Amino acid sequence: MANESGVDTSIVDNLDHVSSWVQNNSDMLIQYGINIISAVLILVLGNVAVKLVSGSVAKVLTKRKMDKAVVDFISAIIRYLLFIVVLIAALGKVGVQTASVVAVIGAAGLAVALALQGSLSNFAAGVLIVAFRPFKSGDYVEVGGVAGSVDSIQIFQTVLKSPDNKMVVVPNSSIIGGPITNYSRHQTRRIDLVIGVSYKADLRKTKQVLLETIEKDERILKDPAVTIGVLALADSSVNFAVRPWVKTEDYWPVYWDLMMNIKEALDENGIEIPFPQMDVHLEKLD
């Protein structure tokens, strides 16, 4: 219905009602607006504070010479827990009952836990890795069927860096559930070589040549002493086991040098390294 000026009276009435309601509830609206702004500030400033706290914890742990992988794991847990506290505080500021929020989070957490049992097992495995420390950051390990240097231990997975500089992510449960080979844990390692020579070779001379070649390399340790002996009388060769000890960081450089030096020393002394061969006997049938 329109009045004399052509304006719809229902629109005017609605605007009057809105204006009257705003005037009557102005204090509530102002307070609600303040609460919203406060909640936003709590989220923003709280997020900054969470990063500062987790970063400070990481620095303190690093100064105490704690392993980098463990530091990353602990700081990540602290960061997530503190952010949940900040979120609950922000919701409480806008009038949401925090007790209800905690109950909802608990119920949601239970539902998520049932749906993501694998992720929870990864988290539990990560805690075990940090607690028992079968490896640390920088160690070269073989876990879950892959090998590489440990870059970081995260909440659900461990990150490795392969020798050819690829990132490999291994679930923590796969690590705890299988064998863990840590090649860097001890300061020394044994190099295991198998050197095959001809059956015509003088075995005592061969052993002496192998020993002299090894003793020329200063990186090979005197204690434990090198072991050299006949390992097997194989189909095409007599196999010698050559087992010197080196520092862990020298393993591969010494391994490669020994393979080349042994080959050259055997050639210089006329000791043959035979190819695989098979004797075939033909019989003439009458």
C-alpha atoms as a PDB file:
ATOM      1  CA  MET A   1       0.000   0.000   0.000  1.00  0.00           C
ATOM      2  CA  ALA A   2       1.362   3.425  -0.986  1.00  0.00           C
ATOM      3  CA  ASN A   3       0.830   6.777   0.717  1.00  0.00           C
ATOM      4  CA  GLU A   4       0.164  10.096  -1.009  1.00  0.00           C
ATOM      5  CA  SER A   5       3.836  10.493  -2.020  1.00  0.00           C
ATOM      6  CA  GLY A   6       3.834   7.043  -3.677  1.00  0.00           C
ATOM      7  CA  VAL A   7       6.106   5.340  -1.108  1.00  0.00           C
ATOM      8  CA  ASP A   8       5.226   1.807   0.003  1.00  0.00           C
ATOM      9  CA  THR A   9       4.144   2.126   3.656  1.00  0.00           C
ATOM     10  CA  SER A  10       5.261  -1.482   4.449  1.00  0.00           C
ATOM     11  CA  ILE A  11       8.867  -0.624   3.619  1.00  0.00           C
ATOM     12  CA  VAL A  12       8.692   2.473   5.791  1.00  0.00           C
ATOM     13  CA  ASP A  13       7.237   0.438   8.652  1.00  0.00           C
ATOM     14  CA  ASN A  14      10.011  -2.166   8.338  1.00  0.00           C
ATOM     15  CA  LEU A  15      12.703   0.501   8.360  1.00  0.00           C
ATOM     16  CA  ASP A  16      11.086   2.059  11.429  1.00  0.00           C
ATOM     17  CA  HIS A  17      11.100  -1.325  13.177  1.00  0.00           C
ATOM     18  CA  VAL A  18      14.757  -1.918  12.292  1.00  0.00           C
ATOM     19  CA  SER A  19      15.756   1.541  13.425  1.00  0.00           C
ATOM     20  CA  SER A  20      13.841   1.136  16.671  1.00  0.00           C
ATOM     21  CA  TRP A  21      15.409  -2.294  17.301  1.00  0.00           C
ATOM     22  CA  VAL A  22      18.906  -0.954  16.673  1.00  0.00           C
ATOM     23  CA  GLN A  23      18.321   1.949  19.059  1.00  0.00           C
ATOM     24  CA  ASN A  24      16.988  -0.359  21.751  1.00  0.00           C
ATOM     25  CA  ASN A  25      19.828  -2.880  21.355  1.00  0.00           C
ATOM     26  CA  SER A  26      22.691  -0.529  20.569  1.00  0.00           C
ATOM     27  CA  ASP A  27      24.620  -1.498  23.687  1.00  0.00           C
ATOM     28  CA  MET A  28      24.361  -5.186  22.848  1.00  0.00           C
ATOM     29  CA  LEU A  29      25.477  -4.623  19.252  1.00  0.00           C
ATOM     30  CA  ILE A  30      28.457  -2.547  20.360  1.00  0.00           C
ATOM     31  CA  GLN A  31      29.457  -5.216  22.866  1.00  0.00           C
ATOM     32  CA  TYR A  32      29.058  -7.955  20.277  1.00  0.00           C
ATOM     33  CA  GLY A  33      31.187  -6.019  17.801  1.00  0.00           C
ATOM     34  CA  ILE A  34      33.851  -5.510  20.450  1.00  0.00           C
ATOM     35  CA  ASN A  35      33.778  -9.242  21.193  1.00  0.00           C
ATOM     36  CA  ILE A  36      34.234 -10.124  17.515  1.00  0.00           C
ATOM     37  CA  ILE A  37      37.162  -7.722  17.181  1.00  0.00           C
ATOM     38  CA  SER A  38      38.642  -9.129  20.381  1.00  0.00           C
ATOM     39  CA  ALA A  39      38.288 -12.688  19.061  1.00  0.00           C
ATOM     40  CA  VAL A  40      40.047 -11.746  15.821  1.00  0.00           C
ATOM     41  CA  LEU A  41      42.840 -10.073  17.797  1.00  0.00           C
ATOM     42  CA  ILE A  42      43.152 -13.153  20.006  1.00  0.00           C
ATOM     43  CA  LEU A  43      43.532 -15.342  16.907  1.00  0.00           C
ATOM     44  CA  VAL A  44      46.075 -13.055  15.242  1.00  0.00           C
ATOM     45  CA  LEU A  45      48.140 -12.238  18.324  1.00  0.00           C
ATOM     46  CA  GLY A  46      47.745 -15.761  19.677  1.00  0.00           C
ATOM     47  CA  ASN A  47      49.077 -17.229  16.444  1.00  0.00           C
ATOM     48  CA  VAL A  48      52.094 -14.920  16.656  1.00  0.00           C
ATOM     49  CA  ALA A  49      52.625 -15.888  20.301  1.00  0.00           C
ATOM     50  CA  VAL A  50      52.359 -19.593  19.449  1.00  0.00           C
ATOM     51  CA  LYS A  51      55.067 -19.235  16.792  1.00  0.00           C
ATOM     52  CA  LEU A  52      57.274 -17.293  19.214  1.00  0.00           C
ATOM     53  CA  VAL A  53      56.855 -19.866  21.986  1.00  0.00           C
ATOM     54  CA  SER A  54      57.458 -22.871  19.730  1.00  0.00           C
ATOM     55  CA  GLY A  55      60.415 -21.088  18.147  1.00  0.00           C
ATOM     56  CA  SER A  56      61.865 -20.227  21.565  1.00  0.00           C
ATOM     57  CA  VAL A  57      61.484 -23.830  22.717  1.00  0.00           C
ATOM     58  CA  ALA A  58      63.242 -24.985  19.558  1.00  0.00           C
ATOM     59  CA  LYS A  59      66.128 -22.554  20.168  1.00  0.00           C
ATOM     60  CA  VAL A  60      66.505 -23.665  23.800  1.00  0.00           C
ATOM     61  CA  LEU A  61      66.531 -27.332  22.814  1.00  0.00           C
ATOM     62  CA  THR A  62      69.009 -26.611  20.026  1.00  0.00           C
ATOM     63  CA  LYS A  63      71.319 -24.790  22.452  1.00  0.00           C
ATOM     64  CA  ARG A  64      71.186 -27.856  24.670  1.00  0.00           C
ATOM     65  CA  LYS A  65      72.542 -29.747  21.645  1.00  0.00           C
ATOM     66  CA  MET A  66      69.419 -31.834  21.231  1.00  0.00           C
ATOM     67  CA  ASP A  67      69.064 -33.558  17.890  1.00  0.00           C
ATOM     68  CA  LYS A  68      67.432 -31.446  15.168  1.00  0.00           C
ATOM     69  CA  ALA A  69      64.884 -34.143  14.318  1.00  0.00           C
ATOM     70  CA  VAL A  70      63.738 -34.321  17.953  1.00  0.00           C
ATOM     71  CA  VAL A  71      63.575 -30.519  18.182  1.00  0.00           C
ATOM     72  CA  ASP A  72      61.313 -30.345  15.109  1.00  0.00           C
ATOM     73  CA  PHE A  73      59.025 -33.022  16.528  1.00  0.00           C
ATOM     74  CA  ILE A  74      58.624 -31.384  19.954  1.00  0.00           C
ATOM     75  CA  SER A  75      58.166 -27.847  18.590  1.00  0.00           C
ATOM     76  CA  ALA A  76      55.458 -29.072  16.180  1.00  0.00           C
ATOM     77  CA  ILE A  77      53.484 -30.699  19.015  1.00  0.00           C
ATOM     78  CA  ILE A  78      53.759 -27.538  21.158  1.00  0.00           C
ATOM     79  CA  ARG A  79      52.636 -25.377  18.237  1.00  0.00           C
ATOM     80  CA  TYR A  80      49.493 -27.430  17.562  1.00  0.00           C
ATOM     81  CA  LEU A  81      48.502 -27.708  21.236  1.00  0.00           C
ATOM     82  CA  LEU A  82      48.902 -23.975  21.874  1.00  0.00           C
ATOM     83  CA  PHE A  83      46.914 -23.089  18.747  1.00  0.00           C
ATOM     84  CA  ILE A  84      44.003 -25.204  20.011  1.00  0.00           C
ATOM     85  CA  VAL A  85      44.096 -23.220  23.279  1.00  0.00           C
ATOM     86  CA  VAL A  86      44.085 -19.930  21.341  1.00  0.00           C
ATOM     87  CA  LEU A  87      41.160 -21.091  19.200  1.00  0.00           C
ATOM     88  CA  ILE A  88      39.095 -22.056  22.262  1.00  0.00           C
ATOM     89  CA  ALA A  89      39.850 -18.660  23.859  1.00  0.00           C
ATOM     90  CA  ALA A  90      38.721 -16.822  20.713  1.00  0.00           C
ATOM     91  CA  LEU A  91      35.484 -18.796  20.535  1.00  0.00           C
ATOM     92  CA  GLY A  92      34.827 -18.119  24.212  1.00  0.00           C
ATOM     93  CA  LYS A  93      35.211 -14.384  23.571  1.00  0.00           C
ATOM     94  CA  VAL A  94      32.325 -14.364  21.084  1.00  0.00           C
ATOM     95  CA  GLY A  95      30.059 -16.119  23.568  1.00  0.00           C
ATOM     96  CA  VAL A  96      30.540 -19.751  22.638  1.00  0.00           C
ATOM     97  CA  GLN A  97      30.539 -21.976  25.708  1.00  0.00           C
ATOM     98  CA  THR A  98      34.087 -23.334  25.964  1.00  0.00           C
ATOM     99  CA  ALA A  99      32.901 -26.412  27.807  1.00  0.00           C
ATOM    100  CA  SER A 100      30.707 -27.232  24.831  1.00  0.00           C
ATOM    101  CA  VAL A 101      33.585 -26.550  22.468  1.00  0.00           C
ATOM    102  CA  VAL A 102      35.837 -28.901  24.404  1.00  0.00           C
ATOM    103  CA  ALA A 103      33.117 -31.557  24.338  1.00  0.00           C
ATOM    104  CA  VAL A 104      32.624 -31.102  20.597  1.00  0.00           C
ATOM    105  CA  ILE A 105      36.386 -31.238  20.004  1.00  0.00           C
ATOM    106  CA  GLY A 106      36.570 -34.397  22.106  1.00  0.00           C
ATOM    107  CA  ALA A 107      33.716 -36.028  20.177  1.00  0.00           C
ATOM    108  CA  ALA A 108      35.211 -34.911  16.865  1.00  0.00           C
ATOM    109  CA  GLY A 109      38.604 -36.149  17.998  1.00  0.00           C
ATOM    110  CA  LEU A 110      37.132 -39.559  18.777  1.00  0.00           C
ATOM    111  CA  ALA A 111      35.457 -39.721  15.364  1.00  0.00           C
ATOM    112  CA  VAL A 112      38.646 -38.647  13.636  1.00  0.00           C
ATOM    113  CA  ALA A 113      40.628 -41.148  15.701  1.00  0.00           C
ATOM    114  CA  LEU A 114      38.384 -43.981  14.518  1.00  0.00           C
ATOM    115  CA  ALA A 115      38.592 -42.796  10.925  1.00  0.00           C
ATOM    116  CA  LEU A 116      42.333 -42.167  10.970  1.00  0.00           C
ATOM    117  CA  GLN A 117      43.701 -45.085  12.936  1.00  0.00           C
ATOM    118  CA  GLY A 118      46.677 -45.266  10.608  1.00  0.00           C
ATOM    119  CA  SER A 119      47.591 -41.639  11.277  1.00  0.00           C
ATOM    120  CA  LEU A 120      47.342 -42.194  15.036  1.00  0.00           C
ATOM    121  CA  SER A 121      49.619 -45.211  14.771  1.00  0.00           C
ATOM    122  CA  ASN A 122      52.063 -43.010  12.869  1.00  0.00           C
ATOM    123  CA  PHE A 123      51.874 -40.413  15.651  1.00  0.00           C
ATOM    124  CA  ALA A 124      52.453 -43.051  18.347  1.00  0.00           C
ATOM    125  CA  ALA A 125      55.354 -44.437  16.325  1.00  0.00           C
ATOM    126  CA  GLY A 126      56.807 -40.934  16.061  1.00  0.00           C
ATOM    127  CA  VAL A 127      56.708 -40.616  19.849  1.00  0.00           C
ATOM    128  CA  LEU A 128      58.535 -43.943  20.167  1.00  0.00           C
ATOM    129  CA  ILE A 129      61.175 -42.847  17.656  1.00  0.00           C
ATOM    130  CA  VAL A 130      61.801 -39.638  19.597  1.00  0.00           C
ATOM    131  CA  ALA A 131      61.827 -41.503  22.931  1.00  0.00           C
ATOM    132  CA  PHE A 132      64.157 -44.368  21.984  1.00  0.00           C
ATOM    133  CA  ARG A 133      66.134 -42.516  19.292  1.00  0.00           C
ATOM    134  CA  PRO A 134      67.234 -45.360  17.002  1.00  0.00           C
ATOM    135  CA  PHE A 135      68.612 -42.637  14.734  1.00  0.00           C
ATOM    136  CA  LYS A 136      69.178 -38.891  14.724  1.00  0.00           C
ATOM    137  CA  SER A 137      69.240 -36.117  12.173  1.00  0.00           C
ATOM    138  CA  GLY A 138      71.965 -36.655   9.591  1.00  0.00           C
ATOM    139  CA  ASP A 139      72.304 -40.417  10.159  1.00  0.00           C
ATOM    140  CA  TYR A 140      72.288 -42.612   7.074  1.00  0.00           C
ATOM    141  CA  VAL A 141      69.657 -45.274   7.687  1.00  0.00           C
ATOM    142  CA  GLU A 142      67.648 -47.953   5.955  1.00  0.00           C
ATOM    143  CA  VAL A 143      64.025 -48.001   7.136  1.00  0.00           C
ATOM    144  CA  GLY A 144      60.749 -49.109   5.620  1.00  0.00           C
ATOM    145  CA  GLY A 145      62.527 -50.513   2.576  1.00  0.00           C
ATOM    146  CA  VAL A 146      64.276 -47.245   1.649  1.00  0.00           C
ATOM    147  CA  ALA A 147      67.640 -45.725   2.543  1.00  0.00           C
ATOM    148  CA  GLY A 148      68.782 -42.152   3.008  1.00  0.00           C
ATOM    149  CA  SER A 149      70.006 -39.499   5.425  1.00  0.00           C
ATOM    150  CA  VAL A 150      67.521 -38.450   8.131  1.00  0.00           C
ATOM    151  CA  ASP A 151      66.332 -34.907   7.458  1.00  0.00           C
ATOM    152  CA  SER A 152      63.559 -34.560  10.060  1.00  0.00           C
ATOM    153  CA  ILE A 153      61.201 -36.564  12.266  1.00  0.00           C
ATOM    154  CA  GLN A 154      57.689 -35.159  11.916  1.00  0.00           C
ATOM    155  CA  ILE A 155      54.466 -35.975  13.733  1.00  0.00           C
ATOM    156  CA  PHE A 156      53.263 -38.575  11.242  1.00  0.00           C
ATOM    157  CA  GLN A 157      56.291 -39.304   9.066  1.00  0.00           C
ATOM    158  CA  THR A 158      60.066 -39.184   8.851  1.00  0.00           C
ATOM    159  CA  VAL A 159      61.707 -37.354   5.956  1.00  0.00           C
ATOM    160  CA  LEU A 160      64.840 -38.856   4.394  1.00  0.00           C
ATOM    161  CA  LYS A 161      67.168 -37.460   1.751  1.00  0.00           C
ATOM    162  CA  SER A 162      68.443 -40.067  -0.689  1.00  0.00           C
ATOM    163  CA  PRO A 163      72.068 -40.079  -1.914  1.00  0.00           C
ATOM    164  CA  ASP A 164      70.894 -38.610  -5.241  1.00  0.00           C
ATOM    165  CA  ASN A 165      69.159 -35.749  -3.360  1.00  0.00           C
ATOM    166  CA  LYS A 166      65.556 -36.965  -3.519  1.00  0.00           C
ATOM    167  CA  MET A 167      63.129 -36.429  -0.652  1.00  0.00           C
ATOM    168  CA  VAL A 168      61.647 -39.675   0.670  1.00  0.00           C
ATOM    169  CA  VAL A 169      58.757 -39.552   3.162  1.00  0.00           C
ATOM    170  CA  VAL A 170      58.370 -42.707   5.257  1.00  0.00           C
ATOM    171  CA  PRO A 171      55.364 -43.236   7.605  1.00  0.00           C
ATOM    172  CA  ASN A 172      56.537 -43.575  11.189  1.00  0.00           C
ATOM    173  CA  SER A 173      54.574 -46.791  11.703  1.00  0.00           C
ATOM    174  CA  SER A 174      56.481 -48.416   8.828  1.00  0.00           C
ATOM    175  CA  ILE A 175      59.734 -47.527  10.579  1.00  0.00           C
ATOM    176  CA  ILE A 176      58.769 -48.919  13.986  1.00  0.00           C
ATOM    177  CA  GLY A 177      57.123 -51.981  12.433  1.00  0.00           C
ATOM    178  CA  GLY A 178      60.232 -53.117  10.532  1.00  0.00           C
ATOM    179  CA  PRO A 179      64.000 -53.458  10.821  1.00  0.00           C
ATOM    180  CA  ILE A 180      66.023 -50.265  11.298  1.00  0.00           C
ATOM    181  CA  THR A 181      69.576 -50.251   9.964  1.00  0.00           C
ATOM    182  CA  ASN A 182      71.642 -47.275  11.107  1.00  0.00           C
ATOM    183  CA  TYR A 183      74.898 -47.067   9.167  1.00  0.00           C
ATOM    184  CA  SER A 184      76.086 -43.969  11.048  1.00  0.00           C
ATOM    185  CA  ARG A 185      75.544 -44.960  14.667  1.00  0.00           C
ATOM    186  CA  HIS A 186      79.069 -46.324  15.279  1.00  0.00           C
ATOM    187  CA  GLN A 187      82.325 -44.563  14.507  1.00  0.00           C
ATOM    188  CA  THR A 188      83.817 -47.496  12.599  1.00  0.00           C
ATOM    189  CA  ARG A 189      82.589 -49.874   9.905  1.00  0.00           C
ATOM    190  CA  ARG A 190      83.960 -53.006   8.304  1.00  0.00           C
ATOM    191  CA  ILE A 191      84.355 -53.226   4.536  1.00  0.00           C
ATOM    192  CA  ASP A 192      83.462 -56.679   3.225  1.00  0.00           C
ATOM    193  CA  LEU A 193      85.118 -57.544  -0.093  1.00  0.00           C
ATOM    194  CA  VAL A 194      85.116 -60.848  -1.945  1.00  0.00           C
ATOM    195  CA  ILE A 195      88.068 -61.189  -4.336  1.00  0.00           C
ATOM    196  CA  GLY A 196      88.116 -64.174  -6.686  1.00  0.00           C
ATOM    197  CA  VAL A 197      91.370 -65.503  -8.200  1.00  0.00           C
ATOM    198  CA  SER A 198      92.225 -68.355 -10.509  1.00  0.00           C
ATOM    199  CA  TYR A 199      92.675 -71.900  -9.206  1.00  0.00           C
ATOM    200  CA  LYS A 200      96.172 -71.715 -10.710  1.00  0.00           C
ATOM    201  CA  ALA A 201      97.141 -68.781  -8.478  1.00  0.00           C
ATOM    202  CA  ASP A 202      99.551 -69.127  -5.556  1.00  0.00           C
ATOM    203  CA  LEU A 203      97.190 -68.600  -2.645  1.00  0.00           C
ATOM    204  CA  ARG A 204      99.866 -67.562  -0.131  1.00  0.00           C
ATOM    205  CA  LYS A 205     101.273 -65.021  -2.555  1.00  0.00           C
ATOM    206  CA  THR A 206      97.757 -63.754  -3.291  1.00  0.00           C
ATOM    207  CA  LYS A 207      97.079 -63.250   0.405  1.00  0.00           C
ATOM    208  CA  GLN A 208     100.369 -61.347   0.802  1.00  0.00           C
ATOM    209  CA  VAL A 209      99.579 -59.077  -2.168  1.00  0.00           C
ATOM    210  CA  LEU A 210      96.141 -58.317  -0.739  1.00  0.00           C
ATOM    211  CA  LEU A 211      97.621 -57.530   2.682  1.00  0.00           C
ATOM    212  CA  GLU A 212     100.321 -55.239   1.253  1.00  0.00           C
ATOM    213  CA  THR A 213      97.755 -53.380  -0.859  1.00  0.00           C
ATOM    214  CA  ILE A 214      95.552 -52.761   2.170  1.00  0.00           C
ATOM    215  CA  GLU A 215      98.425 -51.650   4.399  1.00  0.00           C
ATOM    216  CA  LYS A 216      99.367 -48.930   1.891  1.00  0.00           C
ATOM    217  CA  ASP A 217      96.085 -47.096   2.593  1.00  0.00           C
ATOM    218  CA  GLU A 218      96.528 -44.962   5.721  1.00  0.00           C
ATOM    219  CA  ARG A 219      92.774 -44.627   6.186  1.00  0.00           C
ATOM    220  CA  ILE A 220      92.468 -48.304   7.107  1.00  0.00           C
ATOM    221  CA  LEU A 221      92.525 -48.831  10.860  1.00  0.00           C
ATOM    222  CA  LYS A 222      95.153 -50.959  12.595  1.00  0.00           C
ATOM    223  CA  ASP A 223      92.714 -51.951  15.330  1.00  0.00           C
ATOM    224  CA  PRO A 224      90.639 -53.988  14.631  1.00  0.00           C
ATOM    225  CA  ALA A 225      93.098 -55.746  12.357  1.00  0.00           C
ATOM    226  CA  VAL A 226      92.228 -56.621   8.785  1.00  0.00           C
ATOM    227  CA  THR A 227      90.978 -60.153   8.108  1.00  0.00           C
ATOM    228  CA  ILE A 228      92.030 -61.973   4.932  1.00  0.00           C
ATOM    229  CA  GLY A 229      91.253 -65.612   4.256  1.00  0.00           C
ATOM    230  CA  VAL A 230      89.921 -68.109   1.739  1.00  0.00           C
ATOM    231  CA  LEU A 231      86.151 -67.788   1.849  1.00  0.00           C
ATOM    232  CA  ALA A 232      85.034 -70.372  -0.703  1.00  0.00           C
ATOM    233  CA  LEU A 233      86.211 -72.701  -3.456  1.00  0.00           C
ATOM    234  CA  ALA A 234      83.702 -71.478  -6.004  1.00  0.00           C
ATOM    235  CA  ASP A 235      82.861 -72.872  -9.433  1.00  0.00           C
ATOM    236  CA  SER A 236      85.298 -70.664 -11.360  1.00  0.00           C
ATOM    237  CA  SER A 237      87.500 -69.082  -8.698  1.00  0.00           C
ATOM    238  CA  VAL A 238      89.012 -69.256  -5.261  1.00  0.00           C
ATOM    239  CA  ASN A 239      87.279 -66.493  -3.308  1.00  0.00           C
ATOM    240  CA  PHE A 240      89.151 -64.488  -0.676  1.00  0.00           C
ATOM    241  CA  ALA A 241      87.306 -62.576   2.041  1.00  0.00           C
ATOM    242  CA  VAL A 242      89.009 -59.211   2.587  1.00  0.00           C
ATOM    243  CA  ARG A 243      87.653 -57.325   5.629  1.00  0.00           C
ATOM    244  CA  PRO A 244      89.428 -54.133   6.719  1.00  0.00           C
ATOM    245  CA  TRP A 245      88.015 -51.613   9.223  1.00  0.00           C
ATOM    246  CA  VAL A 246      87.682 -47.879   8.543  1.00  0.00           C
ATOM    247  CA  LYS A 247      86.060 -44.796  10.030  1.00  0.00           C
ATOM    248  CA  THR A 248      82.398 -44.596   9.081  1.00  0.00           C
ATOM    249  CA  GLU A 249      82.858 -41.429   7.018  1.00  0.00           C
ATOM    250  CA  ASP A 250      85.678 -43.108   5.020  1.00  0.00           C
ATOM    251  CA  TYR A 251      83.690 -46.224   4.106  1.00  0.00           C
ATOM    252  CA  TRP A 252      82.797 -45.519   0.483  1.00  0.00           C
ATOM    253  CA  PRO A 253      85.999 -43.654  -0.535  1.00  0.00           C
ATOM    254  CA  VAL A 254      88.133 -46.525   0.823  1.00  0.00           C
ATOM    255  CA  TYR A 255      85.833 -49.144  -0.715  1.00  0.00           C
ATOM    256  CA  TRP A 256      86.166 -47.686  -4.212  1.00  0.00           C
ATOM    257  CA  ASP A 257      89.931 -47.138  -3.913  1.00  0.00           C
ATOM    258  CA  LEU A 258      90.521 -50.674  -2.637  1.00  0.00           C
ATOM    259  CA  MET A 259      88.636 -52.261  -5.515  1.00  0.00           C
ATOM    260  CA  MET A 260      90.814 -50.421  -8.023  1.00  0.00           C
ATOM    261  CA  ASN A 261      94.103 -50.870  -6.127  1.00  0.00           C
ATOM    262  CA  ILE A 262      93.551 -54.603  -5.588  1.00  0.00           C
ATOM    263  CA  LYS A 263      92.810 -55.146  -9.275  1.00  0.00           C
ATOM    264  CA  GLU A 264      95.996 -53.294 -10.281  1.00  0.00           C
ATOM    265  CA  ALA A 265      98.126 -55.119  -7.677  1.00  0.00           C
ATOM    266  CA  LEU A 266      96.904 -58.538  -8.794  1.00  0.00           C
ATOM    267  CA  ASP A 267      97.616 -57.656 -12.442  1.00  0.00           C
ATOM    268  CA  GLU A 268     101.132 -56.468 -11.581  1.00  0.00           C
ATOM    269  CA  ASN A 269     101.861 -59.783  -9.820  1.00  0.00           C
ATOM    270  CA  GLY A 270     100.436 -61.942 -12.595  1.00  0.00           C
ATOM    271  CA  ILE A 271      97.507 -63.179 -10.495  1.00  0.00           C
ATOM    272  CA  GLU A 272      94.498 -63.813 -12.696  1.00  0.00           C
ATOM    273  CA  ILE A 273      90.947 -62.834 -11.801  1.00  0.00           C
ATOM    274  CA  PRO A 274      89.034 -65.428 -13.856  1.00  0.00           C
ATOM    275  CA  PHE A 275      85.801 -65.001 -15.753  1.00  0.00           C
ATOM    276  CA  PRO A 276      82.966 -67.394 -14.904  1.00  0.00           C
ATOM    277  CA  GLN A 277      83.547 -70.505 -16.956  1.00  0.00           C
ATOM    278  CA  MET A 278      82.190 -73.997 -17.465  1.00  0.00           C
ATOM    279  CA  ASP A 279      84.004 -77.094 -18.727  1.00  0.00           C
ATOM    280  CA  VAL A 280      82.016 -79.052 -21.311  1.00  0.00           C
ATOM    281  CA  HIS A 281      83.119 -82.638 -22.071  1.00  0.00           C
ATOM    282  CA  LEU A 282      82.045 -84.260 -25.356  1.00  0.00           C
ATOM    283  CA  GLU A 283      81.992 -87.996 -25.633  1.00  0.00           C
ATOM    284  CA  LYS A 284      81.937 -89.798 -28.966  1.00  0.00           C
ATOM    285  CA  LEU A 285      79.341 -92.516 -29.066  1.00  0.00           C
ATOM    286  CA  ASP A 286      80.058 -95.614 -31.159  1.00  0.00           C
END
